[in-house]
């Protein structure tokens, strides 16, 4: 049986990674926009992003848009690969589950 990546498997982090995976490789999203999409508090999102960043799955950059500070988030190459492996592991688990027709 395939083991699921515990960093991604937490519900909130799975939502973050799944959302970021929809961006093109190298594309970034502003922290407030990601927060809005996921309907998460800033503190909660920050905690989960830190865990993903520590694992090397996301990259966070701080910049300015005019005079306003901006935090941008993107899924790293390593994070994209980890998410692909995670989804393959989920599919493998589902393939092992007997369907109702087989019961």
Protein backbone atom coordinates (compact mmCIF):
# COMPACT_ATOMS: atom_id res chain seq x y z
CA UNK A 1 0.00 0.00 0.00
CA UNK A 2 1.28 3.44 -0.94
CA UNK A 3 1.89 5.88 1.89
CA UNK A 4 0.41 9.37 1.56
CA UNK A 5 2.68 12.38 2.03
CA UNK A 6 1.79 13.65 5.52
CA UNK A 7 2.79 17.22 4.65
CA UNK A 8 0.23 17.40 1.85
CA UNK A 9 -2.38 15.10 3.40
CA UNK A 10 -3.57 17.60 6.04
CA UNK A 11 -6.83 18.99 4.69
CA UNK A 12 -5.84 22.67 4.68
CA UNK A 13 -2.45 21.99 3.07
CA UNK A 14 -4.06 19.73 0.48
CA UNK A 15 -6.39 22.60 -0.44
CA UNK A 16 -3.42 24.98 -0.69
CA UNK A 17 -1.34 22.66 -2.87
CA UNK A 18 -4.30 21.72 -5.08
CA UNK A 19 -5.07 25.41 -5.64
CA UNK A 20 -1.46 26.29 -6.39
CA UNK A 21 -1.16 23.35 -8.79
CA UNK A 22 -3.73 24.99 -11.06
CA UNK A 23 -1.29 27.85 -11.73
CA UNK A 24 1.17 27.52 -14.55
CA UNK A 25 4.65 26.39 -13.57
CA UNK A 26 6.45 29.43 -12.20
CA UNK A 27 3.26 31.51 -11.85
CA UNK A 28 2.63 33.20 -8.51
CA UNK A 29 -0.47 34.24 -6.62
CA UNK A 30 -0.77 37.07 -4.11
CA UNK A 31 -1.27 35.93 -0.52
CA UNK A 32 -4.56 37.84 -0.09
CA UNK A 33 -5.99 36.29 -3.27
CA UNK A 34 -5.03 32.79 -2.12
CA UNK A 35 -6.52 33.53 1.28
CA UNK A 36 -9.75 34.64 -0.39
CA UNK A 37 -9.92 31.59 -2.68
CA UNK A 38 -9.44 29.20 0.22
CA UNK A 39 -11.59 31.17 2.71
CA UNK A 40 -8.87 30.86 5.34
CA UNK A 41 -7.71 33.33 7.95
CA UNK A 42 -4.34 34.96 7.33
CA UNK A 43 -2.88 33.27 10.40
CA UNK A 44 -4.11 29.81 9.45
CA UNK A 45 -2.90 30.14 5.87
CA UNK A 46 0.47 31.42 7.08
CA UNK A 47 0.97 28.41 9.36
CA UNK A 48 0.21 25.96 6.55
CA UNK A 49 2.35 27.84 4.02
CA UNK A 50 5.26 27.76 6.48
CA UNK A 51 4.95 23.96 6.77
CA UNK A 52 4.84 23.63 2.98
CA UNK A 53 7.76 26.04 2.61
CA UNK A 54 9.82 24.07 5.16
CA UNK A 55 9.21 20.94 3.06
CA UNK A 56 10.33 22.81 -0.07
CA UNK A 57 6.88 22.54 -1.66
CA UNK A 58 6.13 26.25 -1.95
CA UNK A 59 8.22 29.34 -2.52
CA UNK A 60 7.26 32.63 -0.96
CA UNK A 61 8.63 35.94 -2.14
CA UNK A 62 8.15 39.35 -0.62
CA UNK A 63 8.14 42.35 -2.90
CA UNK A 64 6.45 45.70 -3.32
CA UNK A 65 3.73 46.81 -5.70
CA UNK A 66 4.34 50.49 -5.72
CA UNK A 67 4.74 51.33 -2.04
CA UNK A 68 2.58 48.44 -0.86
CA UNK A 69 4.30 45.28 0.37
CA UNK A 70 3.17 42.12 -1.43
CA UNK A 71 3.66 38.45 -0.58
CA UNK A 72 3.59 36.11 -3.55
CA UNK A 73 3.26 32.33 -3.37
CA UNK A 74 4.01 29.65 -5.91
CA UNK A 75 4.26 25.88 -6.00
CA UNK A 76 7.89 24.83 -6.38
CA UNK A 77 8.99 22.17 -8.83
CA UNK A 78 9.48 19.84 -5.87
CA UNK A 79 5.96 20.67 -4.63
CA UNK A 80 4.45 20.02 -8.04
CA UNK A 81 6.16 16.61 -8.16
CA UNK A 82 5.07 15.81 -4.59
CA UNK A 83 1.47 16.69 -5.47
CA UNK A 84 1.59 14.50 -8.59
CA UNK A 85 2.92 11.62 -6.49
CA UNK A 86 0.24 12.26 -3.87
CA UNK A 87 -2.56 12.15 -6.46
CA UNK A 88 -1.10 8.95 -7.93
CA UNK A 89 -1.05 7.42 -4.44
CA UNK A 90 -4.71 8.39 -3.91
CA UNK A 91 -5.64 6.85 -7.26
CA UNK A 92 -3.79 3.65 -6.30
CA UNK A 93 -5.68 3.47 -3.03
CA UNK A 94 -8.99 4.00 -4.81
CA UNK A 95 -8.15 1.31 -7.35
CA UNK A 96 -7.60 -1.13 -4.46
CA UNK A 97 -11.01 -0.36 -2.98
CA UNK A 98 -13.60 -2.92 -4.10
CA UNK A 99 -16.52 -1.35 -5.89
CA UNK A 100 -20.10 -1.98 -4.79
CA UNK A 101 -20.65 -4.05 -7.92
CA UNK A 102 -17.92 -6.49 -6.83
CA UNK A 103 -19.40 -6.94 -3.35
